[in-house]
Protein backbone atom coordinates (compact mmCIF):
# COMPACT_ATOMS: atom_id res chain seq x y z
CA MET A 1 0.00 0.00 0.00
CA LEU A 2 2.85 2.40 0.87
CA CYS A 3 4.48 1.83 -2.53
CA CYS A 4 1.26 2.82 -4.31
CA MET A 5 1.22 6.31 -2.77
CA PRO A 6 2.04 9.12 -5.21
CA GLY A 7 4.95 11.47 -4.69
CA VAL A 8 6.79 10.93 -1.42
CA ALA A 9 3.65 10.40 0.67
CA PHE A 10 4.98 6.97 1.67
CA VAL A 11 7.62 8.65 3.89
CA PRO A 12 5.31 10.20 6.53
CA ALA A 13 2.99 7.18 6.18
CA LEU A 14 5.89 4.87 6.99
CA LEU A 15 6.96 7.13 9.87
CA VAL A 16 3.48 7.06 11.41
CA SER A 17 2.97 3.31 11.03
CA TRP A 18 6.50 2.41 12.16
CA SER A 19 6.43 4.70 15.23
CA SER A 20 3.00 3.46 16.28
CA ALA A 21 4.24 -0.12 15.96
CA ALA A 22 7.35 0.73 18.01
CA PHE A 23 5.25 1.99 20.92
CA ILE A 24 2.66 -0.78 20.77
CA ILE A 25 5.05 -3.72 20.30
CA SER A 26 7.41 -2.57 23.08
CA TYR A 27 4.44 -2.01 25.39
CA ALA A 28 2.97 -5.45 24.64
CA ILE A 29 6.26 -7.27 25.22
CA ALA A 30 6.98 -5.39 28.47
CA VAL A 31 3.50 -6.07 29.86
CA LEU A 32 3.50 -9.75 28.84
CA ALA A 33 6.97 -10.19 30.38
CA GLY A 34 5.72 -8.63 33.62
CA HIS A 35 8.26 -5.82 33.53
CA VAL A 36 5.69 -3.00 33.73
CA GLU A 37 2.12 -2.61 34.92
CA PRO A 38 -0.45 -2.42 32.08
CA LEU A 39 -1.91 0.87 33.36
CA VAL A 40 -0.08 3.74 31.64
CA PRO A 41 3.65 3.16 32.11
CA TYR A 42 6.13 5.68 30.77
CA ILE A 43 7.01 5.05 27.14
CA SER A 44 10.63 4.55 28.19
CA ASP A 45 9.55 2.03 30.85
CA THR A 46 8.43 -0.28 28.03
CA GLY A 47 11.93 -0.31 26.53
CA THR A 48 14.20 -0.66 29.55
CA LYS A 49 14.61 -4.41 30.15
CA PRO A 50 15.41 -7.13 27.60
CA PRO A 51 13.95 -8.38 25.32
CA GLU A 52 11.81 -5.27 24.75
CA SER A 53 14.81 -2.94 25.18
CA GLY A 54 16.35 -4.26 21.96
CA VAL A 55 13.10 -3.87 20.03
CA PHE A 56 12.51 -0.40 21.48
CA GLY A 57 16.03 0.85 20.76
CA PHE A 58 16.08 -0.47 17.20
CA MET A 59 12.60 0.76 16.24
CA ILE A 60 12.89 4.20 17.87
CA ASN A 61 16.23 4.83 16.15
CA ILE A 62 14.59 4.01 12.80
CA SER A 63 11.71 6.33 13.75
CA ALA A 64 14.19 9.13 14.46
CA LEU A 65 15.76 8.60 11.03
CA LEU A 66 12.36 8.55 9.28
CA ALA A 67 11.33 11.70 11.18
CA ALA A 68 14.52 13.49 10.06
CA ILE A 69 13.88 12.50 6.43
CA THR A 70 10.25 13.65 6.69
CA MET A 71 11.27 16.99 8.17
CA TYR A 72 13.88 17.56 5.48
CA ILE A 73 11.39 16.80 2.70
CA ARG A 74 8.92 19.15 4.38
CA TYR A 75 11.63 21.82 4.43
CA LEU A 76 12.31 21.35 0.69
CA LEU A 77 8.58 21.40 -0.07
CA ILE A 78 8.08 24.71 1.72
CA GLU A 79 11.14 26.19 0.00
CA LYS A 80 9.71 25.22 -3.38
CA GLN A 81 6.26 26.59 -2.58
CA ASN A 82 7.83 29.75 -1.21
CA GLU A 83 9.47 30.53 -4.56
CA SER A 84 6.13 31.64 -5.99
CA SER A 85 4.11 32.54 -2.90
CA HIS A 86 6.67 34.09 -0.50
CA PHE A 87 4.58 33.24 2.57
CA VAL A 88 7.46 32.57 4.99
CA ARG A 89 11.09 33.60 5.36
CA SER A 90 13.63 31.01 4.31
CA SER A 91 15.48 31.53 7.59
CA CYS A 92 12.32 30.67 9.52
CA ASN A 93 11.90 27.50 7.49
CA MET A 94 15.54 26.54 8.18
CA PHE A 95 15.15 27.31 11.90
CA THR A 96 12.09 25.06 12.05
CA LEU A 97 14.03 22.25 10.38
CA CYS A 98 16.91 22.62 12.86
CA ILE A 99 14.51 22.45 15.81
CA GLY A 100 12.98 19.30 14.35
CA LEU A 101 16.37 17.67 13.83
CA MET A 102 17.23 18.44 17.45
CA GLY A 103 14.14 16.48 18.44
CA CYS A 104 15.26 13.56 16.27
CA THR A 105 18.65 13.61 18.01
CA GLY A 106 16.85 13.50 21.34
CA MET A 107 14.91 10.45 20.16
CA GLY A 108 18.18 8.74 19.28
CA ILE A 109 19.54 9.47 22.76
CA VAL A 110 16.39 8.07 24.38
CA ALA A 111 16.64 4.89 22.28
CA THR A 112 20.35 4.38 22.95
CA PHE A 113 20.62 5.21 26.67
CA GLN A 114 18.08 3.21 28.67
CA GLU A 115 16.20 4.79 31.52
CA LEU A 116 17.78 2.73 34.33
CA ALA A 117 21.26 2.44 32.79
CA VAL A 118 22.05 6.14 32.32
CA PRO A 119 19.04 8.03 33.72
CA SER A 120 20.49 11.55 33.48
CA VAL A 121 21.43 11.21 29.80
CA HIS A 122 18.12 9.49 29.05
CA ASP A 123 16.14 12.28 30.72
CA ILE A 124 18.04 14.98 28.81
CA GLY A 125 17.35 13.15 25.56
CA ALA A 126 13.65 12.85 26.39
CA LEU A 127 13.43 16.54 27.31
CA VAL A 128 15.11 17.53 24.03
CA ALA A 129 12.93 15.15 22.00
CA PHE A 130 9.61 16.25 23.46
CA GLY A 131 10.50 19.94 23.86
CA SER A 132 11.88 20.32 20.35
CA GLY A 133 9.01 18.25 18.95
CA VAL A 134 6.38 20.51 20.48
CA VAL A 135 8.14 23.63 19.16
CA TYR A 136 8.51 22.04 15.71
CA ILE A 137 4.84 21.13 15.25
CA THR A 138 3.79 24.55 16.57
CA LEU A 139 6.02 26.33 14.04
CA GLN A 140 4.78 24.04 11.28
CA SER A 141 1.19 24.89 12.22
CA ILE A 142 1.97 28.60 11.92
CA ILE A 143 3.68 28.06 8.56
CA SER A 144 0.64 26.08 7.38
CA TYR A 145 -1.65 29.00 8.18
CA LYS A 146 0.62 31.37 6.30
CA SER A 147 0.47 29.14 3.23
CA CYS A 148 -3.35 29.14 3.11
CA PRO A 149 -5.35 28.93 0.96
CA ARG A 150 -3.00 28.13 -1.91
CA TRP A 151 -1.01 25.28 -0.39
CA ASN A 152 -3.21 24.16 2.52
CA THR A 153 -6.88 24.06 3.43
CA TYR A 154 -8.03 25.85 6.55
CA PHE A 155 -9.41 22.54 7.85
CA VAL A 156 -5.95 20.94 7.81
CA CYS A 157 -4.47 24.03 9.44
CA ARG A 158 -7.03 23.91 12.25
CA VAL A 159 -6.36 20.21 12.80
CA ARG A 160 -2.62 20.86 13.01
CA MET A 161 -3.08 23.79 15.34
CA ALA A 162 -5.40 21.74 17.58
CA ILE A 163 -2.84 18.91 17.79
CA SER A 164 -0.10 21.45 18.56
CA ALA A 165 -2.19 23.08 21.29
CA ILE A 166 -3.01 19.75 22.94
CA SER A 167 0.64 18.68 22.79
CA CYS A 168 1.81 21.98 24.30
CA ILE A 169 -0.78 21.78 27.06
CA ALA A 170 0.20 18.16 27.86
CA PHE A 171 3.95 18.86 27.73
CA ILE A 172 3.93 21.29 30.66
CA PRO A 173 2.27 19.01 33.28
CA MET A 174 4.35 16.11 31.96
CA ILE A 175 7.50 17.95 33.04
CA VAL A 176 5.99 19.32 36.27
CA PHE A 177 4.72 15.97 37.52
CA ALA A 178 7.89 14.14 36.44
CA SER A 179 10.01 16.63 38.41
CA LYS A 180 8.10 15.73 41.59
CA ILE A 181 8.96 12.02 41.35
CA SER A 182 11.70 11.24 43.88
CA MET A 183 12.84 7.85 42.51
CA THR A 184 13.78 6.22 39.21
CA LYS A 185 11.94 2.92 38.69
CA ILE A 186 9.69 1.18 36.17
CA ASP A 187 7.61 -1.23 38.26
CA TRP A 188 5.02 1.20 39.60
CA THR A 189 1.98 -0.01 41.51
CA PRO A 190 -1.07 2.04 42.59
CA GLY A 191 -0.92 3.43 46.10
CA GLU A 192 2.84 3.72 46.50
CA LYS A 193 4.73 6.97 46.96
CA ASP A 194 4.76 9.30 43.93
CA TYR A 195 2.48 6.97 41.94
CA THR A 196 -0.01 9.78 41.23
CA TYR A 197 2.76 11.99 39.83
CA HIS A 198 4.00 9.10 37.70
CA PHE A 199 0.51 8.29 36.43
CA MET A 200 -0.35 11.87 35.45
CA SER A 201 3.05 12.46 33.85
CA ALA A 202 2.80 9.21 31.88
CA ILE A 203 -0.65 10.12 30.53
CA CYS A 204 0.71 13.46 29.34
CA GLU A 205 3.76 11.76 27.79
CA TRP A 206 1.62 9.35 25.74
CA THR A 207 -0.60 12.29 24.72
CA VAL A 208 2.37 14.27 23.40
CA ALA A 209 3.90 11.23 21.67
CA PHE A 210 0.74 10.35 19.78
CA GLY A 211 0.19 14.06 19.11
CA PHE A 212 3.42 13.94 17.08
CA ILE A 213 2.20 10.83 15.23
CA PHE A 214 -1.16 12.38 14.32
CA PHE A 215 0.56 15.60 13.27
CA PHE A 216 2.85 13.80 10.81
CA LEU A 217 -0.19 11.94 9.54
CA THR A 218 -1.47 15.28 8.18
CA PHE A 219 1.68 15.57 6.01
CA ILE A 220 0.68 12.66 3.78
CA ARG A 221 -1.58 14.73 1.51
CA ASP A 222 1.02 17.50 1.21
CA PHE A 223 3.71 14.99 0.24
CA GLN A 224 1.59 13.64 -2.58
């Protein structure tokens, strides 16, 4: 099905499907192995212990590469559209790409340095990945509005802006609640110390992660 898509639409489609599979497969293996509780673990918790750590690391690194390729194609697409419409500065487009690539680097760090092995490096990578990702999709939403109505419909722009807003709103409590957790562990159970902070932060983390996936899903039509 991906090969039948016109243009380069298969790239964001592959990114979305591969990233979704990475989250779901790692989660399923971790839960079935008894390494995490089924109720909303952190995404990183599902890729900390073997065998799911190998699957998680491999698939997330591929996702980071696919995301970088998608962002670069998006950059080239905007540059080409901008030649006739002049709706955004080239420097702004380049800045947006750089922010996105920073997020991809953060994803690579998260995939390579497991949560329990090198927690400080892992946390920095996660902060860079999520923070840069939120900024990237917000800037892309603004650029989409500027390119209306010639290159985008207002419906798509509103969808992108809604996803960006939800991701931004979820990102802040994700960081706040995570900062209140006093221990690094993956086997959380209801009722223990800091569980509420972990639970709320994890919900926000999954919200932001799938916000990125749904945002890139809107690129498919543009890439055609």
